[in-house]
PDB file of N, CA and C in Angstrom:
ATOM      1  N   MET A   1     113.529 179.572 206.813  1.00  0.00           N
ATOM      2  CA  MET A   1     114.467 179.591 206.152  1.00  0.00           C
ATOM      3  C   MET A   1     115.430 180.076 207.835  1.00  0.00           C
ATOM      4  N   PRO A   2     116.528 179.882 207.629  1.00  0.00           N
ATOM      5  CA  PRO A   2     117.170 180.608 208.867  1.00  0.00           C
ATOM      6  C   PRO A   2     116.907 181.991 208.787  1.00  0.00           C
ATOM      7  N   GLU A   3     116.815 182.956 210.153  1.00  0.00           N
ATOM      8  CA  GLU A   3     116.975 184.291 209.739  1.00  0.00           C
ATOM      9  C   GLU A   3     117.596 185.459 209.197  1.00  0.00           C
ATOM     10  N   SER A   4     119.234 185.133 209.433  1.00  0.00           N
ATOM     11  CA  SER A   4     119.662 185.576 208.903  1.00  0.00           C
ATOM     12  C   SER A   4     120.097 185.186 207.271  1.00  0.00           C
ATOM     13  N   THR A   5     120.923 185.979 206.767  1.00  0.00           N
ATOM     14  CA  THR A   5     121.395 185.582 205.345  1.00  0.00           C
ATOM     15  C   THR A   5     122.506 186.115 205.090  1.00  0.00           C
ATOM     16  N   GLU A   6     123.500 186.933 206.174  1.00  0.00           N
ATOM     17  CA  GLU A   6     124.840 187.498 205.863  1.00  0.00           C
ATOM     18  C   GLU A   6     125.410 187.022 206.533  1.00  0.00           C
ATOM     19  N   THR A   7     126.724 186.679 206.508  1.00  0.00           N
ATOM     20  CA  THR A   7     127.970 185.946 206.923  1.00  0.00           C
ATOM     21  C   THR A   7     127.704 185.925 207.860  1.00  0.00           C
ATOM     22  N   LYS A   8     127.805 186.521 208.359  1.00  0.00           N
ATOM     23  CA  LYS A   8     127.959 186.124 209.817  1.00  0.00           C
ATOM     24  C   LYS A   8     126.590 184.960 210.907  1.00  0.00           C
ATOM     25  N   GLY A   9     125.601 185.825 210.249  1.00  0.00           N
ATOM     26  CA  GLY A   9     124.313 185.355 210.658  1.00  0.00           C
ATOM     27  C   GLY A   9     124.455 183.333 209.904  1.00  0.00           C
ATOM     28  N   ILE A  10     124.787 183.429 209.012  1.00  0.00           N
ATOM     29  CA  ILE A  10     125.216 181.658 208.162  1.00  0.00           C
ATOM     30  C   ILE A  10     126.358 181.308 208.728  1.00  0.00           C
ATOM     31  N   VAL A  11     127.155 182.230 209.152  1.00  0.00           N
ATOM     32  CA  VAL A  11     128.146 181.038 210.010  1.00  0.00           C
ATOM     33  C   VAL A  11     127.956 180.583 210.618  1.00  0.00           C
ATOM     34  N   ARG A  12     127.105 181.564 211.772  1.00  0.00           N
ATOM     35  CA  ARG A  12     126.524 181.068 213.112  1.00  0.00           C
ATOM     36  C   ARG A  12     125.487 180.131 213.257  1.00  0.00           C
ATOM     37  N   HIS A  13     124.044 180.496 212.133  1.00  0.00           N
ATOM     38  CA  HIS A  13     124.209 178.761 212.156  1.00  0.00           C
ATOM     39  C   HIS A  13     124.245 177.766 211.559  1.00  0.00           C
ATOM     40  N   VAL A  14     125.307 177.715 210.845  1.00  0.00           N
ATOM     41  CA  VAL A  14     125.798 176.199 210.136  1.00  0.00           C
ATOM     42  C   VAL A  14     126.962 176.160 211.293  1.00  0.00           C
ATOM     43  N   ALA A  15     127.203 176.141 212.292  1.00  0.00           N
ATOM     44  CA  ALA A  15     128.296 175.935 213.354  1.00  0.00           C
ATOM     45  C   ALA A  15     126.545 175.201 214.206  1.00  0.00           C
ATOM     46  N   GLU A  16     125.623 176.280 214.619  1.00  0.00           N
ATOM     47  CA  GLU A  16     124.684 174.908 215.131  1.00  0.00           C
ATOM     48  C   GLU A  16     124.065 174.000 214.797  1.00  0.00           C
ATOM     49  N   VAL A  17     124.037 174.122 213.293  1.00  0.00           N
ATOM     50  CA  VAL A  17     123.971 172.629 212.332  1.00  0.00           C
ATOM     51  C   VAL A  17     124.762 171.647 212.107  1.00  0.00           C
ATOM     52  N   ILE A  18     126.247 172.249 212.705  1.00  0.00           N
ATOM     53  CA  ILE A  18     126.928 170.593 212.853  1.00  0.00           C
ATOM     54  C   ILE A  18     127.496 170.589 214.374  1.00  0.00           C
ATOM     55  N   ILE A  19     126.869 171.415 215.194  1.00  0.00           N
ATOM     56  CA  ILE A  19     126.784 170.854 217.023  1.00  0.00           C
ATOM     57  C   ILE A  19     126.169 169.591 217.240  1.00  0.00           C
ATOM     58  N   GLY A  20     124.570 170.598 216.565  1.00  0.00           N
ATOM     59  CA  GLY A  20     123.861 169.432 216.700  1.00  0.00           C
ATOM     60  C   GLY A  20     123.763 168.146 215.817  1.00  0.00           C
ATOM     61  N   GLU A  21     124.058 168.413 214.844  1.00  0.00           N
ATOM     62  CA  GLU A  21     123.858 166.820 214.451  1.00  0.00           C
ATOM     63  C   GLU A  21     125.206 165.977 214.632  1.00  0.00           C
ATOM     64  N   LEU A  22     126.724 167.001 214.900  1.00  0.00           N
ATOM     65  CA  LEU A  22     127.354 165.305 215.218  1.00  0.00           C
ATOM     66  C   LEU A  22     127.273 165.286 216.698  1.00  0.00           C
ATOM     67  N   LYS A  23     126.349 166.019 217.175  1.00  0.00           N
ATOM     68  CA  LYS A  23     126.392 165.598 218.900  1.00  0.00           C
ATOM     69  C   LYS A  23     127.841 166.031 219.674  1.00  0.00           C
ATOM     70  N   LEU A  24     127.786 167.542 219.529  1.00  0.00           N
ATOM     71  CA  LEU A  24     129.565 167.895 219.797  1.00  0.00           C
ATOM     72  C   LEU A  24     128.952 168.653 221.761  1.00  0.00           C
ATOM     73  N   GLU A  25     129.799 168.016 221.839  1.00  0.00           N
ATOM     74  CA  GLU A  25     129.919 169.049 223.639  1.00  0.00           C
ATOM     75  C   GLU A  25     131.364 170.089 223.436  1.00  0.00           C
ATOM     76  N   ASP A  26     130.521 171.458 224.737  1.00  0.00           N
ATOM     77  CA  ASP A  26     131.654 171.181 225.622  1.00  0.00           C
ATOM     78  C   ASP A  26     132.042 172.716 224.332  1.00  0.00           C
ATOM     79  N   VAL A  27     130.889 172.442 223.496  1.00  0.00           N
ATOM     80  CA  VAL A  27     131.205 173.908 221.998  1.00  0.00           C
ATOM     81  C   VAL A  27     130.007 174.613 221.629  1.00  0.00           C
ATOM     82  N   THR A  28     129.858 176.115 221.379  1.00  0.00           N
ATOM     83  CA  THR A  28     128.367 176.139 221.657  1.00  0.00           C
ATOM     84  C   THR A  28     128.927 177.195 219.804  1.00  0.00           C
ATOM     85  N   PRO A  29     128.034 177.819 219.330  1.00  0.00           N
ATOM     86  CA  PRO A  29     128.302 178.314 218.282  1.00  0.00           C
ATOM     87  C   PRO A  29     129.098 179.813 218.194  1.00  0.00           C
ATOM     88  N   ASP A  30     128.851 180.569 219.501  1.00  0.00           N
ATOM     89  CA  ASP A  30     129.817 181.458 220.230  1.00  0.00           C
ATOM     90  C   ASP A  30     131.057 181.146 219.696  1.00  0.00           C
ATOM     91  N   THR A  31     131.828 179.985 220.097  1.00  0.00           N
ATOM     92  CA  THR A  31     133.021 179.174 220.618  1.00  0.00           C
ATOM     93  C   THR A  31     133.500 179.096 219.582  1.00  0.00           C
ATOM     94  N   PHE A  32     132.423 178.602 218.497  1.00  0.00           N
ATOM     95  CA  PHE A  32     133.410 177.629 217.528  1.00  0.00           C
ATOM     96  C   PHE A  32     134.308 178.331 216.736  1.00  0.00           C
ATOM     97  N   ASN A  33     135.400 177.810 215.959  1.00  0.00           N
ATOM     98  CA  ASN A  33     136.538 178.026 215.083  1.00  0.00           C
ATOM     99  C   ASN A  33     135.547 178.423 213.987  1.00  0.00           C
ATOM    100  N   PRO A  34     135.111 179.266 213.425  1.00  0.00           N
ATOM    101  CA  PRO A  34     134.598 179.478 211.706  1.00  0.00           C
ATOM    102  C   PRO A  34     135.913 178.557 210.705  1.00  0.00           C
ATOM    103  N   ASP A  35     136.896 178.729 211.409  1.00  0.00           N
ATOM    104  CA  ASP A  35     137.778 178.991 210.235  1.00  0.00           C
ATOM    105  C   ASP A  35     138.968 177.374 210.183  1.00  0.00           C
ATOM    106  N   MET A  36     138.396 176.532 211.257  1.00  0.00           N
ATOM    107  CA  MET A  36     138.712 175.201 211.679  1.00  0.00           C
ATOM    108  C   MET A  36     138.341 174.428 210.743  1.00  0.00           C
ATOM    109  N   ASP A  37     139.651 173.363 210.057  1.00  0.00           N
ATOM    110  CA  ASP A  37     138.905 172.735 209.038  1.00  0.00           C
ATOM    111  C   ASP A  37     138.502 171.350 209.614  1.00  0.00           C
ATOM    112  N   LEU A  38     137.013 171.200 208.905  1.00  0.00           N
ATOM    113  CA  LEU A  38     136.146 170.052 209.941  1.00  0.00           C
ATOM    114  C   LEU A  38     136.796 168.892 209.479  1.00  0.00           C
ATOM    115  N   VAL A  39     137.218 168.492 208.530  1.00  0.00           N
ATOM    116  CA  VAL A  39     138.037 167.440 208.245  1.00  0.00           C
ATOM    117  C   VAL A  39     139.061 166.955 209.145  1.00  0.00           C
ATOM    118  N   ASP A  40     140.241 167.555 208.798  1.00  0.00           N
ATOM    119  CA  ASP A  40     141.883 167.032 209.589  1.00  0.00           C
ATOM    120  C   ASP A  40     141.526 167.764 211.334  1.00  0.00           C
ATOM    121  N   GLU A  41     140.514 169.120 211.570  1.00  0.00           N
ATOM    122  CA  GLU A  41     140.632 169.204 213.213  1.00  0.00           C
ATOM    123  C   GLU A  41     139.648 168.494 213.657  1.00  0.00           C
ATOM    124  N   LEU A  42     137.970 168.254 213.455  1.00  0.00           N
ATOM    125  CA  LEU A  42     137.299 167.895 213.577  1.00  0.00           C
ATOM    126  C   LEU A  42     137.119 166.596 213.700  1.00  0.00           C
ATOM    127  N   GLY A  43     137.608 166.116 212.718  1.00  0.00           N
ATOM    128  CA  GLY A  43     137.692 164.910 212.262  1.00  0.00           C
ATOM    129  C   GLY A  43     136.644 164.611 211.309  1.00  0.00           C
ATOM    130  N   ILE A  44     135.313 165.069 210.827  1.00  0.00           N
ATOM    131  CA  ILE A  44     133.906 164.472 210.225  1.00  0.00           C
ATOM    132  C   ILE A  44     134.345 164.205 208.979  1.00  0.00           C
ATOM    133  N   ASP A  45     133.723 162.731 208.516  1.00  0.00           N
ATOM    134  CA  ASP A  45     134.033 161.883 207.511  1.00  0.00           C
ATOM    135  C   ASP A  45     132.838 162.678 206.491  1.00  0.00           C
ATOM    136  N   SER A  46     132.931 161.812 205.141  1.00  0.00           N
ATOM    137  CA  SER A  46     132.303 162.163 204.079  1.00  0.00           C
ATOM    138  C   SER A  46     130.074 162.139 204.865  1.00  0.00           C
ATOM    139  N   MET A  47     130.377 161.610 205.492  1.00  0.00           N
ATOM    140  CA  MET A  47     128.959 160.787 205.307  1.00  0.00           C
ATOM    141  C   MET A  47     128.438 161.866 206.176  1.00  0.00           C
ATOM    142  N   ASP A  48     129.366 162.195 207.816  1.00  0.00           N
ATOM    143  CA  ASP A  48     128.967 163.740 208.086  1.00  0.00           C
ATOM    144  C   ASP A  48     128.404 165.028 207.432  1.00  0.00           C
ATOM    145  N   LEU A  49     129.170 165.317 206.615  1.00  0.00           N
ATOM    146  CA  LEU A  49     129.222 166.246 205.651  1.00  0.00           C
ATOM    147  C   LEU A  49     127.780 166.482 204.723  1.00  0.00           C
ATOM    148  N   ALA A  50     128.137 164.906 204.517  1.00  0.00           N
ATOM    149  CA  ALA A  50     126.683 165.103 203.721  1.00  0.00           C
ATOM    150  C   ALA A  50     125.050 165.279 204.410  1.00  0.00           C
ATOM    151  N   THR A  51     125.326 165.037 205.815  1.00  0.00           N
ATOM    152  CA  THR A  51     123.868 164.989 206.585  1.00  0.00           C
ATOM    153  C   THR A  51     124.064 166.817 206.648  1.00  0.00           C
ATOM    154  N   ILE A  52     124.774 167.140 207.043  1.00  0.00           N
ATOM    155  CA  ILE A  52     125.342 168.465 207.012  1.00  0.00           C
ATOM    156  C   ILE A  52     124.151 169.743 205.868  1.00  0.00           C
ATOM    157  N   ALA A  53     125.126 169.124 204.814  1.00  0.00           N
ATOM    158  CA  ALA A  53     124.786 169.528 203.815  1.00  0.00           C
ATOM    159  C   ALA A  53     123.171 168.892 203.357  1.00  0.00           C
ATOM    160  N   LEU A  54     122.849 167.462 203.172  1.00  0.00           N
ATOM    161  CA  LEU A  54     120.873 167.580 203.325  1.00  0.00           C
ATOM    162  C   LEU A  54     120.309 168.838 204.137  1.00  0.00           C
ATOM    163  N   VAL A  55     120.597 168.938 205.356  1.00  0.00           N
ATOM    164  CA  VAL A  55     120.461 169.570 206.840  1.00  0.00           C
ATOM    165  C   VAL A  55     120.365 171.474 206.182  1.00  0.00           C
ATOM    166  N   LEU A  56     121.217 171.655 205.423  1.00  0.00           N
ATOM    167  CA  LEU A  56     121.519 173.008 205.206  1.00  0.00           C
ATOM    168  C   LEU A  56     120.884 173.524 203.798  1.00  0.00           C
ATOM    169  N   GLN A  57     120.388 172.513 202.942  1.00  0.00           N
ATOM    170  CA  GLN A  57     119.955 172.892 201.919  1.00  0.00           C
ATOM    171  C   GLN A  57     118.604 172.976 201.801  1.00  0.00           C
ATOM    172  N   ASP A  58     117.700 172.114 202.784  1.00  0.00           N
ATOM    173  CA  ASP A  58     116.206 171.736 203.202  1.00  0.00           C
ATOM    174  C   ASP A  58     116.199 172.981 204.330  1.00  0.00           C
ATOM    175  N   GLU A  59     117.134 173.668 204.649  1.00  0.00           N
ATOM    176  CA  GLU A  59     116.799 174.688 205.658  1.00  0.00           C
ATOM    177  C   GLU A  59     116.524 176.362 205.016  1.00  0.00           C
ATOM    178  N   TYR A  60     118.011 176.255 204.169  1.00  0.00           N
ATOM    179  CA  TYR A  60     117.899 177.013 203.163  1.00  0.00           C
ATOM    180  C   TYR A  60     117.409 177.140 201.759  1.00  0.00           C
ATOM    181  N   LYS A  61     116.925 176.248 201.265  1.00  0.00           N
ATOM    182  CA  LYS A  61     116.543 175.919 200.213  1.00  0.00           C
ATOM    183  C   LYS A  61     117.203 176.283 199.226  1.00  0.00           C
ATOM    184  N   ILE A  62     118.748 175.586 198.708  1.00  0.00           N
ATOM    185  CA  ILE A  62     119.471 175.260 197.847  1.00  0.00           C
ATOM    186  C   ILE A  62     119.801 174.124 198.045  1.00  0.00           C
ATOM    187  N   ILE A  63     120.100 174.553 196.592  1.00  0.00           N
ATOM    188  CA  ILE A  63     120.785 172.775 196.312  1.00  0.00           C
ATOM    189  C   ILE A  63     122.386 172.592 196.638  1.00  0.00           C
ATOM    190  N   ILE A  64     123.301 171.422 197.187  1.00  0.00           N
ATOM    191  CA  ILE A  64     124.559 171.640 197.962  1.00  0.00           C
ATOM    192  C   ILE A  64     125.402 170.351 196.303  1.00  0.00           C
ATOM    193  N   ASP A  65     125.910 170.976 195.914  1.00  0.00           N
ATOM    194  CA  ASP A  65     126.749 170.052 194.438  1.00  0.00           C
ATOM    195  C   ASP A  65     127.308 169.120 194.915  1.00  0.00           C
ATOM    196  N   GLU A  66     127.256 167.409 195.183  1.00  0.00           N
ATOM    197  CA  GLU A  66     128.324 166.787 196.206  1.00  0.00           C
ATOM    198  C   GLU A  66     129.515 167.238 195.110  1.00  0.00           C
ATOM    199  N   ASP A  67     129.699 167.643 194.121  1.00  0.00           N
ATOM    200  CA  ASP A  67     130.654 167.984 193.573  1.00  0.00           C
ATOM    201  C   ASP A  67     131.859 168.980 194.422  1.00  0.00           C
ATOM    202  N   ASP A  68     131.328 169.673 194.878  1.00  0.00           N
ATOM    203  CA  ASP A  68     131.316 170.809 195.485  1.00  0.00           C
ATOM    204  C   ASP A  68     131.700 170.693 197.230  1.00  0.00           C
ATOM    205  N   TYR A  69     131.417 169.675 197.645  1.00  0.00           N
ATOM    206  CA  TYR A  69     131.756 169.045 199.536  1.00  0.00           C
ATOM    207  C   TYR A  69     133.146 169.441 198.959  1.00  0.00           C
ATOM    208  N   PRO A  70     133.927 168.810 198.216  1.00  0.00           N
ATOM    209  CA  PRO A  70     135.707 169.352 198.843  1.00  0.00           C
ATOM    210  C   PRO A  70     135.958 170.628 199.493  1.00  0.00           C
ATOM    211  N   ARG A  71     135.180 171.137 198.873  1.00  0.00           N
ATOM    212  CA  ARG A  71     135.216 173.183 198.827  1.00  0.00           C
ATOM    213  C   ARG A  71     134.778 173.263 200.298  1.00  0.00           C
ATOM    214  N   LEU A  72     133.724 172.700 201.226  1.00  0.00           N
ATOM    215  CA  LEU A  72     133.361 172.799 202.164  1.00  0.00           C
ATOM    216  C   LEU A  72     134.048 172.804 203.786  1.00  0.00           C
ATOM    217  N   LYS A  73     135.277 173.209 203.608  1.00  0.00           N
ATOM    218  CA  LYS A  73     136.107 172.145 204.843  1.00  0.00           C
ATOM    219  C   LYS A  73     135.968 173.121 206.191  1.00  0.00           C
ATOM    220  N   THR A  74     135.725 174.614 205.741  1.00  0.00           N
ATOM    221  CA  THR A  74     135.668 175.013 207.180  1.00  0.00           C
ATOM    222  C   THR A  74     133.797 175.644 207.421  1.00  0.00           C
ATOM    223  N   VAL A  75     133.509 176.086 208.583  1.00  0.00           N
ATOM    224  CA  VAL A  75     132.001 176.550 208.864  1.00  0.00           C
ATOM    225  C   VAL A  75     132.452 178.176 207.779  1.00  0.00           C
ATOM    226  N   ARG A  76     133.068 179.071 207.969  1.00  0.00           N
ATOM    227  CA  ARG A  76     132.825 180.530 206.820  1.00  0.00           C
ATOM    228  C   ARG A  76     133.008 180.067 205.423  1.00  0.00           C
ATOM    229  N   LEU A  77     133.979 178.852 204.843  1.00  0.00           N
ATOM    230  CA  LEU A  77     133.641 178.453 203.436  1.00  0.00           C
ATOM    231  C   LEU A  77     132.594 177.499 203.103  1.00  0.00           C
ATOM    232  N   ILE A  78     130.900 177.132 204.018  1.00  0.00           N
ATOM    233  CA  ILE A  78     130.157 176.800 203.719  1.00  0.00           C
ATOM    234  C   ILE A  78     129.155 177.590 203.871  1.00  0.00           C
ATOM    235  N   ALA A  79     129.663 178.697 204.908  1.00  0.00           N
ATOM    236  CA  ALA A  79     128.833 180.274 204.687  1.00  0.00           C
ATOM    237  C   ALA A  79     128.955 180.621 203.567  1.00  0.00           C
ATOM    238  N   VAL A  80     130.295 180.938 203.538  1.00  0.00           N
ATOM    239  CA  VAL A  80     130.122 182.110 202.116  1.00  0.00           C
ATOM    240  C   VAL A  80     129.126 180.785 200.744  1.00  0.00           C
ATOM    241  N   TYR A  81     130.002 179.522 200.981  1.00  0.00           N
ATOM    242  CA  TYR A  81     129.163 179.280 200.044  1.00  0.00           C
ATOM    243  C   TYR A  81     127.736 179.124 199.717  1.00  0.00           C
ATOM    244  N   ILE A  82     126.649 179.091 200.858  1.00  0.00           N
ATOM    245  CA  ILE A  82     125.548 179.546 200.867  1.00  0.00           C
ATOM    246  C   ILE A  82     124.880 180.535 200.185  1.00  0.00           C
ATOM    247  N   GLU A  83     125.774 181.466 200.653  1.00  0.00           N
ATOM    248  CA  GLU A  83     125.190 182.665 200.557  1.00  0.00           C
ATOM    249  C   GLU A  83     125.174 183.209 198.942  1.00  0.00           C
ATOM    250  N   GLU A  84     126.692 182.354 198.013  1.00  0.00           N
ATOM    251  CA  GLU A  84     126.447 182.730 196.510  1.00  0.00           C
ATOM    252  C   GLU A  84     125.389 182.217 196.095  1.00  0.00           C
ATOM    253  N   LYS A  85     124.891 180.984 197.176  1.00  0.00           N
ATOM    254  CA  LYS A  85     124.005 180.337 196.187  1.00  0.00           C
ATOM    255  C   LYS A  85     122.788 181.279 196.594  1.00  0.00           C
ATOM    256  N   LEU A  86     122.787 181.471 197.554  1.00  0.00           N
ATOM    257  CA  LEU A  86     121.367 182.485 197.758  1.00  0.00           C
ATOM    258  C   LEU A  86     121.299 183.608 196.506  1.00  0.00           C
ATOM    259  N   ALA A  87     122.192 184.389 196.900  1.00  0.00           N
ATOM    260  CA  ALA A  87     122.487 185.519 195.846  1.00  0.00           C
ATOM    261  C   ALA A  87     122.557 185.197 194.069  1.00  0.00           C
ATOM    262  N   ALA A  88     122.745 183.694 194.048  1.00  0.00           N
ATOM    263  CA  ALA A  88     122.061 183.453 193.007  1.00  0.00           C
ATOM    264  C   ALA A  88     120.844 183.201 192.047  1.00  0.00           C
ATOM    265  N   LYS A  89     120.257 182.853 193.227  1.00  0.00           N
ATOM    266  CA  LYS A  89     118.595 182.621 193.404  1.00  0.00           C
ATOM    267  C   LYS A  89     118.173 184.229 193.098  1.00  0.00           C
ATOM    268  N   HIS A  90     118.523 184.977 193.461  1.00  0.00           N
ATOM    269  CA  HIS A  90     117.689 186.555 193.297  1.00  0.00           C
ATOM    270  C   HIS A  90     118.132 186.185 191.405  1.00  0.00           C
TER     271      HIS A  90
END
C-alpha cells in the first residue's frame, strides 16, 4: 500500500499512477492539476479509467465499483473516493 493515506499523499499517488499508466510526458505529480477533468481535458477513455482503477484497487486493497466510475472525474475526486473506501474498512 502506498505510504500515505492522507488526501494530499493519495492525490500525488493517483497522479503518479495516471502519468505512468497513460505514459504522459511533460507532466509530473507536482505539476499535475488534481482538479483537471480526466475525460474532457485529458481525454482518457473508459478502458484507461478501468486500468487505473484496477491498479489503485490492488495498491490500496479496496474495491472500486464500476458504477462509481462516472464519479471519478478528477484526481482529487479519486483521492477522496479512495479515502472514503479506506475509512470504511476500519
